[in-house]
Protein backbone atom coordinates (compact mmCIF):
# COMPACT_ATOMS: atom_id res chain seq x y z
CA MET A 1 -72.36 -67.96 153.41
CA LYS A 2 -75.75 -67.34 154.41
CA GLN A 3 -77.09 -64.21 154.74
CA GLN A 4 -77.14 -64.19 158.71
CA GLU A 5 -73.31 -65.83 158.96
CA TRP A 6 -72.21 -63.05 156.90
CA VAL A 7 -73.56 -60.37 159.31
CA LEU A 8 -72.27 -61.78 162.18
CA THR A 9 -68.91 -62.33 160.55
CA ARG A 10 -68.94 -58.40 159.69
CA LYS A 11 -70.20 -57.52 163.36
CA LYS A 12 -67.19 -59.90 164.54
CA LEU A 13 -64.57 -57.87 162.33
CA LEU A 14 -66.03 -54.81 163.50
CA ARG A 15 -65.65 -55.44 166.64
CA LYS A 16 -61.94 -56.43 165.96
CA ILE A 17 -61.48 -53.20 164.38
CA LYS A 18 -62.66 -51.30 167.29
CA ALA A 19 -60.58 -53.19 169.70
CA GLN A 20 -57.67 -52.28 167.89
CA VAL A 21 -58.64 -48.86 167.43
CA PHE A 22 -59.15 -48.55 171.11
CA ASP A 23 -55.63 -50.33 171.93
CA ARG A 24 -53.65 -47.72 169.84
CA LEU A 25 -56.00 -44.39 171.13
CA GLY A 26 -57.50 -45.39 174.36
CA GLU A 27 -61.41 -45.51 175.02
CA PRO A 28 -63.05 -42.63 173.72
CA PRO A 29 -63.86 -39.57 175.79
CA ALA A 30 -67.47 -39.58 177.62
CA SER A 31 -68.36 -37.06 175.40
CA LEU A 32 -67.68 -38.78 172.21
CA ARG A 33 -69.14 -42.29 173.97
CA GLN A 34 -72.61 -40.18 174.39
CA TYR A 35 -72.74 -38.57 170.74
CA ALA A 36 -72.47 -42.62 169.70
CA LYS A 37 -75.14 -43.53 171.68
CA ARG A 38 -77.59 -40.62 170.75
CA LEU A 39 -76.86 -41.61 166.85
CA THR A 40 -77.06 -45.32 167.82
CA ASP A 41 -80.46 -44.84 169.39
CA GLU A 42 -81.94 -42.21 167.03
CA PHE A 43 -81.16 -44.79 163.96
CA ARG A 44 -82.09 -48.10 165.97
CA GLY A 45 -84.74 -49.82 164.49
CA ARG A 46 -85.43 -47.95 160.87
CA TRP A 47 -83.74 -49.87 158.99
CA ARG A 48 -84.81 -52.62 156.82
CA ALA A 49 -82.92 -54.58 153.76
CA CYS A 50 -83.85 -53.53 150.09
CA GLU A 51 -82.81 -54.60 146.73
CA TRP A 52 -80.04 -52.96 144.77
CA ASN A 53 -82.55 -51.55 142.34
CA GLU A 54 -84.69 -50.32 145.00
CA LEU A 55 -81.55 -48.46 146.33
CA LEU A 56 -80.51 -46.86 143.09
CA LYS A 57 -84.19 -45.37 142.42
CA SER A 58 -84.56 -44.09 145.76
CA VAL A 59 -80.91 -42.28 145.53
CA ALA A 60 -81.81 -40.71 141.89
CA GLU A 61 -84.97 -39.36 143.01
CA SER A 62 -83.94 -37.90 146.27
CA ASP A 63 -82.91 -34.34 146.52
CA VAL A 64 -80.52 -35.12 149.52
CA THR A 65 -78.78 -38.85 149.83
CA PHE A 66 -76.88 -39.21 152.94
CA GLY A 67 -73.99 -41.59 152.77
CA SER A 68 -71.66 -42.75 155.81
CA ASP A 69 -68.37 -44.32 155.76
CA PHE A 70 -66.10 -45.97 157.81
CA HIS A 71 -62.88 -44.01 156.31
CA ALA A 72 -59.91 -46.20 156.68
CA HIS A 73 -61.86 -49.05 154.88
CA ALA A 74 -61.87 -48.65 151.19
CA GLN A 75 -64.37 -50.86 150.80
CA SER A 76 -66.44 -48.06 152.80
CA GLN A 77 -65.81 -45.53 149.83
CA ARG A 78 -65.99 -48.28 146.52
CA ALA A 79 -70.04 -48.58 148.21
CA HIS A 80 -70.27 -44.88 147.30
CA VAL A 81 -68.57 -45.03 143.90
CA ARG A 82 -70.59 -48.26 142.61
CA ILE A 83 -73.64 -46.09 143.47
CA LEU A 84 -72.97 -42.79 142.14
CA ARG A 85 -71.60 -44.69 138.81
CA GLU A 86 -75.27 -46.51 138.39
CA LEU A 87 -77.03 -42.99 138.90
CA PRO A 88 -78.21 -41.36 135.96
CA THR A 89 -76.49 -39.00 133.64
CA ASP A 90 -78.82 -36.20 133.25
CA ARG A 91 -78.90 -34.92 136.68
CA PRO A 92 -76.48 -32.93 138.47
CA VAL A 93 -74.70 -34.37 141.59
CA VAL A 94 -73.04 -32.30 143.99
CA LEU A 95 -70.42 -34.65 146.56
CA ALA A 96 -70.72 -32.97 149.73
CA LEU A 97 -67.66 -34.59 151.77
CA GLU A 98 -66.39 -34.10 155.05
CA CYS A 99 -62.86 -34.94 153.68
CA ILE A 100 -62.26 -31.66 152.09
CA CYS A 101 -62.57 -28.50 153.81
CA LEU A 102 -65.09 -25.74 152.78
CA GLU A 103 -62.05 -23.61 152.31
CA ASP A 104 -60.51 -25.79 149.85
CA ASN A 105 -63.18 -25.73 146.89
CA GLU A 106 -61.58 -23.79 144.47
CA SER A 107 -58.40 -26.17 144.66
CA VAL A 108 -61.05 -29.07 144.61
CA ASP A 109 -62.38 -27.47 141.47
CA GLN A 110 -58.84 -26.86 139.96
CA TYR A 111 -58.08 -30.45 140.49
CA LEU A 112 -60.99 -31.77 138.73
CA ASN A 113 -60.56 -29.48 135.92
CA GLY A 114 -57.43 -30.83 135.33
CA GLU A 115 -55.60 -27.55 136.24
CA ILE A 116 -53.46 -29.22 138.76
CA SER A 117 -52.03 -31.92 139.52
CA GLU A 118 -52.75 -34.65 142.33
CA GLU A 119 -49.65 -33.99 143.89
CA LYS A 120 -50.14 -30.17 144.17
CA PHE A 121 -54.15 -30.82 144.95
CA LEU A 122 -53.18 -33.04 148.09
CA ASP A 123 -50.60 -30.62 149.29
CA GLU A 124 -53.17 -27.51 148.64
CA VAL A 125 -55.61 -28.94 151.01
CA GLU A 126 -53.46 -30.55 153.36
CA TRP A 127 -54.88 -34.09 152.83
CA THR A 128 -52.24 -36.33 155.16
CA TYR A 129 -52.75 -33.16 157.95
CA VAL A 130 -56.52 -32.57 157.74
CA TRP A 131 -57.75 -35.41 156.85
CA GLY A 132 -55.47 -38.51 157.45
CA PHE A 133 -56.46 -41.32 155.96
CA PRO A 134 -55.76 -42.93 152.81
CA TRP A 135 -55.76 -40.81 149.46
CA GLY A 136 -56.12 -43.91 147.59
CA ASN A 137 -59.35 -44.93 149.45
CA TYR A 138 -61.02 -41.53 148.16
CA ARG A 139 -59.36 -41.00 144.78
CA PRO A 140 -61.90 -42.77 142.84
CA LEU A 141 -64.46 -41.04 144.20
CA PHE A 142 -62.66 -37.67 143.02
CA LEU A 143 -62.00 -39.55 139.56
CA LEU A 144 -65.68 -40.38 138.94
CA ALA A 145 -66.34 -36.63 139.49
CA ARG A 146 -63.90 -35.43 137.32
CA GLU A 147 -65.34 -38.13 134.55
CA ARG A 148 -69.14 -37.29 135.32
CA GLY A 149 -69.01 -33.42 135.52
CA PHE A 150 -70.03 -33.99 139.58
CA LEU A 151 -68.96 -30.96 142.22
CA ILE A 152 -67.46 -31.64 145.13
CA ARG A 153 -67.50 -29.24 148.16
CA GLY A 154 -66.37 -29.46 151.45
CA LEU A 155 -67.84 -30.10 154.68
CA SER A 156 -65.28 -29.93 156.97
CA ARG A 157 -63.52 -26.67 158.13
CA ARG A 158 -59.61 -26.31 158.54
CA ASP A 159 -60.15 -24.65 162.03
CA ASP A 160 -61.93 -27.95 162.87
CA SER A 161 -58.73 -30.23 162.64
CA LYS A 162 -57.01 -27.27 165.18
CA LYS A 163 -59.87 -26.90 168.00
CA ALA A 164 -62.06 -30.10 169.68
CA LEU A 165 -65.15 -29.24 168.20
CA CYS A 166 -68.96 -30.35 169.63
CA LEU A 167 -69.81 -33.14 167.27
CA GLU A 168 -73.24 -32.16 167.61
CA VAL A 169 -72.38 -28.57 166.61
CA ARG A 170 -70.31 -30.22 163.71
CA ASP A 171 -73.06 -31.99 162.60
CA GLU A 172 -75.82 -29.02 162.40
CA ARG A 173 -72.83 -26.79 160.69
CA MET A 174 -72.76 -29.40 157.85
CA ALA A 175 -76.44 -29.96 158.00
CA SER A 176 -76.88 -25.96 156.89
CA ASP A 177 -73.71 -26.24 154.67
CA VAL A 178 -76.10 -29.08 152.69
CA ALA A 179 -78.95 -27.01 152.81
CA ASP A 180 -77.05 -24.04 151.28
CA PHE A 181 -75.66 -26.24 148.69
CA GLN A 182 -79.23 -27.28 147.68
CA MET A 183 -80.20 -24.15 147.55
CA GLU A 184 -77.59 -23.29 145.47
CA GLN A 185 -77.93 -26.00 142.92
CA PRO A 186 -81.71 -26.69 143.25
CA HIS A 187 -81.82 -29.60 140.63
CA SER A 188 -79.09 -31.36 141.85
CA LEU A 189 -78.68 -34.88 143.71
CA ILE A 190 -76.76 -33.53 146.71
CA TYR A 191 -74.80 -36.81 147.96
């Protein structure tokens, strides 16, 4: 399949998925639509395709790399695992993850160190309640972190799931947390 056909196929799939979400949940509220428009406008026109090796080199040389995903689509998380596996092993990595709450960092450390079982970990972080997306999609990230000695730090807050937090406020707070992680681990890649 040619590249252009592949892109069109992916866009068509995305439209179908969005339509299914809207059918189940209804149209997003105006505040979320405005947030999405501002985000889309901010990133419009700044992208270019790059070779795999160029991407890996750029990530390896950066202090902070922002990677996004489609939470319910396992391939999104697999892409991050592929990138992280290819990084040089001589530099510490901190995975700053939205799927984990900052308050649960101790449980994360215990799980990564093999001190608690996966079942106990998922129970302690209330995975299904707080995050809700399939654990199986994210598990490879945690296993890679365990294997490579990466730290994992939460970017969410427990209270976020109980209140309607303005997305801009949440994003600013998460950016501040990433800056804190960078100060605490100055030679690490924050991913």
